[in-house]
């Protein structure tokens, strides 16, 4: 299952399954489509772990904010 989160500030967070869990990537949205380089990425056994790994790799404050909003820790 692929999960997507589109932030109103024009970032796209994409979660997708891997052989060992999930991966998470963040790209900018241009005209509604993910475009350009991956701004942050991470992998983990769950979506939350993948998000946390991407969060640890993210350097831009807006990318970090979007990642924090993308997955509920519940």
Foldseek 3Di string as FASTA:
>chain_A
DKDWDADPVFKIWIWDADPQAIKIWIAGHDPRDGDDDTQFMADDNYPLRRLVRRLVVHDDPVVNVVSVPPDDPD
